[in-house]
PDB file of N, CA and C in Angstrom:
ATOM      1  N   UNK A   1       1.014  -1.190  -0.215  1.00  0.00           N
ATOM      2  CA  UNK A   1       0.113  -0.062  -0.147  1.00  0.00           C
ATOM      3  C   UNK A   1       0.708   1.256   0.081  1.00  0.00           C
ATOM      4  N   UNK A   2       2.044   0.754   0.745  1.00  0.00           N
ATOM      5  CA  UNK A   2       2.811   2.003   0.709  1.00  0.00           C
ATOM      6  C   UNK A   2       3.502   2.354  -1.312  1.00  0.00           C
ATOM      7  N   UNK A   3       3.348   1.730  -1.507  1.00  0.00           N
ATOM      8  CA  UNK A   3       3.482   2.146  -2.978  1.00  0.00           C
ATOM      9  C   UNK A   3       2.900   2.913  -3.924  1.00  0.00           C
ATOM     10  N   UNK A   4       0.965   2.150  -3.732  1.00  0.00           N
ATOM     11  CA  UNK A   4       0.072   2.998  -4.001  1.00  0.00           C
ATOM     12  C   UNK A   4       0.561   4.502  -3.406  1.00  0.00           C
ATOM     13  N   UNK A   5       0.012   4.642  -2.146  1.00  0.00           N
ATOM     14  CA  UNK A   5       0.511   5.897  -1.816  1.00  0.00           C
ATOM     15  C   UNK A   5       1.752   6.949  -2.687  1.00  0.00           C
ATOM     16  N   UNK A   6       3.167   6.397  -3.067  1.00  0.00           N
ATOM     17  CA  UNK A   6       3.544   6.520  -3.545  1.00  0.00           C
ATOM     18  C   UNK A   6       3.479   7.411  -5.007  1.00  0.00           C
ATOM     19  N   UNK A   7       3.206   6.270  -5.535  1.00  0.00           N
ATOM     20  CA  UNK A   7       2.136   6.970  -6.473  1.00  0.00           C
ATOM     21  C   UNK A   7       1.319   8.174  -6.745  1.00  0.00           C
ATOM     22  N   UNK A   8       0.531   7.985  -5.456  1.00  0.00           N
ATOM     23  CA  UNK A   8      -0.320   9.205  -5.623  1.00  0.00           C
ATOM     24  C   UNK A   8       0.416  10.765  -5.944  1.00  0.00           C
ATOM     25  N   UNK A   9       1.062  10.168  -4.898  1.00  0.00           N
ATOM     26  CA  UNK A   9       1.791  11.840  -4.173  1.00  0.00           C
ATOM     27  C   UNK A   9       2.608  12.369  -5.254  1.00  0.00           C
ATOM     28  N   UNK A  10       2.757  11.178  -6.228  1.00  0.00           N
ATOM     29  CA  UNK A  10       4.037  10.967  -8.100  1.00  0.00           C
ATOM     30  C   UNK A  10       2.322  11.912  -8.563  1.00  0.00           C
ATOM     31  N   UNK A  11       1.453  11.718  -8.905  1.00  0.00           N
ATOM     32  CA  UNK A  11       0.191  12.138  -9.945  1.00  0.00           C
ATOM     33  C   UNK A  11       0.370  13.399  -9.183  1.00  0.00           C
ATOM     34  N   UNK A  12      -0.425  13.830  -7.775  1.00  0.00           N
ATOM     35  CA  UNK A  12      -1.010  14.954  -7.356  1.00  0.00           C
ATOM     36  C   UNK A  12       0.087  16.553  -7.604  1.00  0.00           C
ATOM     37  N   UNK A  13       1.844  15.247  -7.941  1.00  0.00           N
ATOM     38  CA  UNK A  13       2.492  16.793  -7.930  1.00  0.00           C
ATOM     39  C   UNK A  13       2.678  17.236  -9.704  1.00  0.00           C
ATOM     40  N   UNK A  14       2.423  15.847  -9.933  1.00  0.00           N
ATOM     41  CA  UNK A  14       2.357  16.470 -11.608  1.00  0.00           C
ATOM     42  C   UNK A  14       0.922  16.773 -12.332  1.00  0.00           C
ATOM     43  N   UNK A  15       0.121  16.884 -11.400  1.00  0.00           N
ATOM     44  CA  UNK A  15      -1.127  16.987 -11.939  1.00  0.00           C
ATOM     45  C   UNK A  15      -0.730  19.144 -11.426  1.00  0.00           C
ATOM     46  N   UNK A  16      -0.003  18.860 -10.366  1.00  0.00           N
ATOM     47  CA  UNK A  16      -0.396  20.521  -9.970  1.00  0.00           C
ATOM     48  C   UNK A  16       0.999  21.293 -10.990  1.00  0.00           C
ATOM     49  N   UNK A  17       2.056  20.897 -11.722  1.00  0.00           N
ATOM     50  CA  UNK A  17       2.388  21.320 -12.880  1.00  0.00           C
ATOM     51  C   UNK A  17       1.411  20.815 -13.576  1.00  0.00           C
ATOM     52  N   UNK A  18       0.847  20.486 -14.026  1.00  0.00           N
ATOM     53  CA  UNK A  18       0.298  20.368 -15.448  1.00  0.00           C
ATOM     54  C   UNK A  18      -0.792  21.564 -14.739  1.00  0.00           C
ATOM     55  N   UNK A  19      -1.501  22.005 -13.477  1.00  0.00           N
ATOM     56  CA  UNK A  19      -2.487  23.373 -13.328  1.00  0.00           C
ATOM     57  C   UNK A  19      -1.956  24.630 -13.729  1.00  0.00           C
ATOM     58  N   UNK A  20      -0.858  24.408 -13.231  1.00  0.00           N
ATOM     59  CA  UNK A  20       0.505  25.930 -13.103  1.00  0.00           C
ATOM     60  C   UNK A  20       0.622  25.991 -15.266  1.00  0.00           C
ATOM     61  N   UNK A  21       0.753  25.382 -15.793  1.00  0.00           N
ATOM     62  CA  UNK A  21       0.935  25.651 -17.023  1.00  0.00           C
ATOM     63  C   UNK A  21      -0.121  25.342 -17.610  1.00  0.00           C
ATOM     64  N   UNK A  22      -1.350  24.888 -17.330  1.00  0.00           N
ATOM     65  CA  UNK A  22      -2.630  25.143 -17.875  1.00  0.00           C
ATOM     66  C   UNK A  22      -2.216  26.616 -17.415  1.00  0.00           C
ATOM     67  N   UNK A  23      -3.026  26.994 -16.388  1.00  0.00           N
ATOM     68  CA  UNK A  23      -3.759  28.655 -16.290  1.00  0.00           C
ATOM     69  C   UNK A  23      -2.197  29.359 -17.092  1.00  0.00           C
ATOM     70  N   UNK A  24      -1.426  28.914 -16.773  1.00  0.00           N
ATOM     71  CA  UNK A  24      -0.292  30.435 -17.148  1.00  0.00           C
ATOM     72  C   UNK A  24      -0.563  30.937 -19.311  1.00  0.00           C
ATOM     73  N   UNK A  25      -0.553  29.104 -19.676  1.00  0.00           N
ATOM     74  CA  UNK A  25      -0.526  29.362 -21.079  1.00  0.00           C
ATOM     75  C   UNK A  25      -2.537  28.780 -21.494  1.00  0.00           C
ATOM     76  N   UNK A  26      -3.337  28.588 -20.885  1.00  0.00           N
ATOM     77  CA  UNK A  26      -4.214  27.434 -22.073  1.00  0.00           C
ATOM     78  C   UNK A  26      -5.437  28.451 -20.888  1.00  0.00           C
ATOM     79  N   UNK A  27      -4.900  29.627 -21.018  1.00  0.00           N
ATOM     80  CA  UNK A  27      -6.576  30.529 -19.982  1.00  0.00           C
ATOM     81  C   UNK A  27      -7.722  29.740 -19.953  1.00  0.00           C
ATOM     82  N   UNK A  28      -8.087  29.344 -21.221  1.00  0.00           N
ATOM     83  CA  UNK A  28      -9.699  29.335 -21.387  1.00  0.00           C
ATOM     84  C   UNK A  28     -10.480  27.560 -20.575  1.00  0.00           C
ATOM     85  N   UNK A  29      -8.948  26.810 -20.226  1.00  0.00           N
ATOM     86  CA  UNK A  29      -9.406  25.403 -19.652  1.00  0.00           C
ATOM     87  C   UNK A  29      -8.584  25.988 -17.957  1.00  0.00           C
ATOM     88  N   UNK A  30      -8.756  26.592 -17.332  1.00  0.00           N
ATOM     89  CA  UNK A  30      -8.036  26.685 -16.116  1.00  0.00           C
ATOM     90  C   UNK A  30      -9.174  26.189 -15.373  1.00  0.00           C
ATOM     91  N   UNK A  31     -10.433  26.384 -15.324  1.00  0.00           N
ATOM     92  CA  UNK A  31     -10.818  25.713 -14.515  1.00  0.00           C
ATOM     93  C   UNK A  31     -11.448  24.343 -14.406  1.00  0.00           C
ATOM     94  N   UNK A  32     -11.081  23.808 -15.542  1.00  0.00           N
ATOM     95  CA  UNK A  32     -11.465  22.216 -15.301  1.00  0.00           C
ATOM     96  C   UNK A  32      -9.679  21.275 -15.228  1.00  0.00           C
ATOM     97  N   UNK A  33      -8.332  22.557 -15.780  1.00  0.00           N
ATOM     98  CA  UNK A  33      -7.141  21.795 -15.300  1.00  0.00           C
ATOM     99  C   UNK A  33      -7.413  21.781 -13.319  1.00  0.00           C
ATOM    100  N   UNK A  34      -8.591  22.902 -12.485  1.00  0.00           N
ATOM    101  CA  UNK A  34      -8.093  23.125 -11.135  1.00  0.00           C
ATOM    102  C   UNK A  34      -9.386  22.185 -10.442  1.00  0.00           C
ATOM    103  N   UNK A  35     -10.576  21.884 -11.395  1.00  0.00           N
ATOM    104  CA  UNK A  35     -10.991  20.381 -11.658  1.00  0.00           C
ATOM    105  C   UNK A  35     -10.565  18.973 -10.908  1.00  0.00           C
ATOM    106  N   UNK A  36      -9.431  18.803 -12.050  1.00  0.00           N
ATOM    107  CA  UNK A  36      -8.897  17.952 -11.533  1.00  0.00           C
ATOM    108  C   UNK A  36      -8.090  17.599 -10.563  1.00  0.00           C
ATOM    109  N   UNK A  37      -7.623  18.632 -10.938  1.00  0.00           N
ATOM    110  CA  UNK A  37      -5.901  18.699  -9.831  1.00  0.00           C
ATOM    111  C   UNK A  37      -6.836  18.665  -8.103  1.00  0.00           C
ATOM    112  N   UNK A  38      -8.341  19.212  -8.136  1.00  0.00           N
ATOM    113  CA  UNK A  38      -8.851  18.677  -6.423  1.00  0.00           C
ATOM    114  C   UNK A  38      -9.106  17.851  -6.356  1.00  0.00           C
ATOM    115  N   UNK A  39      -9.731  17.175  -6.997  1.00  0.00           N
ATOM    116  CA  UNK A  39     -10.557  15.511  -7.670  1.00  0.00           C
ATOM    117  C   UNK A  39      -8.693  14.408  -7.141  1.00  0.00           C
ATOM    118  N   UNK A  40      -7.846  14.871  -7.738  1.00  0.00           N
ATOM    119  CA  UNK A  40      -6.578  14.276  -7.762  1.00  0.00           C
ATOM    120  C   UNK A  40      -6.216  14.677  -6.386  1.00  0.00           C
ATOM    121  N   UNK A  41      -6.064  15.474  -5.709  1.00  0.00           N
ATOM    122  CA  UNK A  41      -5.275  15.667  -4.368  1.00  0.00           C
ATOM    123  C   UNK A  41      -6.175  14.906  -3.622  1.00  0.00           C
ATOM    124  N   UNK A  42      -7.781  14.540  -3.594  1.00  0.00           N
ATOM    125  CA  UNK A  42      -8.506  14.858  -2.558  1.00  0.00           C
ATOM    126  C   UNK A  42      -8.446  12.590  -2.849  1.00  0.00           C
ATOM    127  N   UNK A  43      -7.471  12.144  -4.019  1.00  0.00           N
ATOM    128  CA  UNK A  43      -8.005  11.438  -4.240  1.00  0.00           C
ATOM    129  C   UNK A  43      -6.627  11.171  -2.904  1.00  0.00           C
ATOM    130  N   UNK A  44      -5.448  11.427  -3.459  1.00  0.00           N
ATOM    131  CA  UNK A  44      -4.118  10.938  -2.667  1.00  0.00           C
ATOM    132  C   UNK A  44      -4.691  11.532  -1.317  1.00  0.00           C
ATOM    133  N   UNK A  45      -4.882  12.248  -0.521  1.00  0.00           N
ATOM    134  CA  UNK A  45      -5.435  12.538   0.387  1.00  0.00           C
ATOM    135  C   UNK A  45      -6.710  10.739   1.213  1.00  0.00           C
ATOM    136  N   UNK A  46      -7.415  10.744   0.227  1.00  0.00           N
ATOM    137  CA  UNK A  46      -8.072   9.647   1.079  1.00  0.00           C
ATOM    138  C   UNK A  46      -7.159   8.180   0.897  1.00  0.00           C
ATOM    139  N   UNK A  47      -6.570   7.860  -0.135  1.00  0.00           N
ATOM    140  CA  UNK A  47      -4.913   6.860  -0.207  1.00  0.00           C
ATOM    141  C   UNK A  47      -4.262   7.172   0.800  1.00  0.00           C
ATOM    142  N   UNK A  48      -3.885   8.187   1.421  1.00  0.00           N
ATOM    143  CA  UNK A  48      -3.107   7.676   2.153  1.00  0.00           C
ATOM    144  C   UNK A  48      -3.409   7.740   3.456  1.00  0.00           C
ATOM    145  N   UNK A  49      -5.278   8.350   3.762  1.00  0.00           N
ATOM    146  CA  UNK A  49      -5.513   7.949   5.190  1.00  0.00           C
ATOM    147  C   UNK A  49      -5.760   6.502   5.774  1.00  0.00           C
ATOM    148  N   UNK A  50      -6.296   6.383   4.408  1.00  0.00           N
ATOM    149  CA  UNK A  50      -6.413   4.109   4.024  1.00  0.00           C
ATOM    150  C   UNK A  50      -4.717   3.465   4.240  1.00  0.00           C
ATOM    151  N   UNK A  51      -3.585   4.257   3.979  1.00  0.00           N
ATOM    152  CA  UNK A  51      -2.925   3.087   3.946  1.00  0.00           C
ATOM    153  C   UNK A  51      -1.432   3.707   5.638  1.00  0.00           C
ATOM    154  N   UNK A  52      -2.739   4.789   6.137  1.00  0.00           N
ATOM    155  CA  UNK A  52      -2.237   5.240   7.496  1.00  0.00           C
ATOM    156  C   UNK A  52      -3.056   3.508   8.532  1.00  0.00           C
ATOM    157  N   UNK A  53      -4.233   3.491   8.009  1.00  0.00           N
ATOM    158  CA  UNK A  53      -5.016   2.700   8.669  1.00  0.00           C
ATOM    159  C   UNK A  53      -4.614   1.215   9.023  1.00  0.00           C
ATOM    160  N   UNK A  54      -4.013   1.216   7.313  1.00  0.00           N
ATOM    161  CA  UNK A  54      -3.550  -0.287   7.495  1.00  0.00           C
ATOM    162  C   UNK A  54      -2.382  -0.887   7.910  1.00  0.00           C
TER     163      UNK A  54
END
């Protein structure tokens, strides 16, 4: 489960980078990128909480 947590953190970090790039270069899609980022961070938090309980 620790591997899944590490993967989730990497995906979350990449999503943050994509969010910043999207806001800078394509403002038209900034709200969609923000929604994806929020979903990714939420999933990462859920995976972390589940990993700590196991």
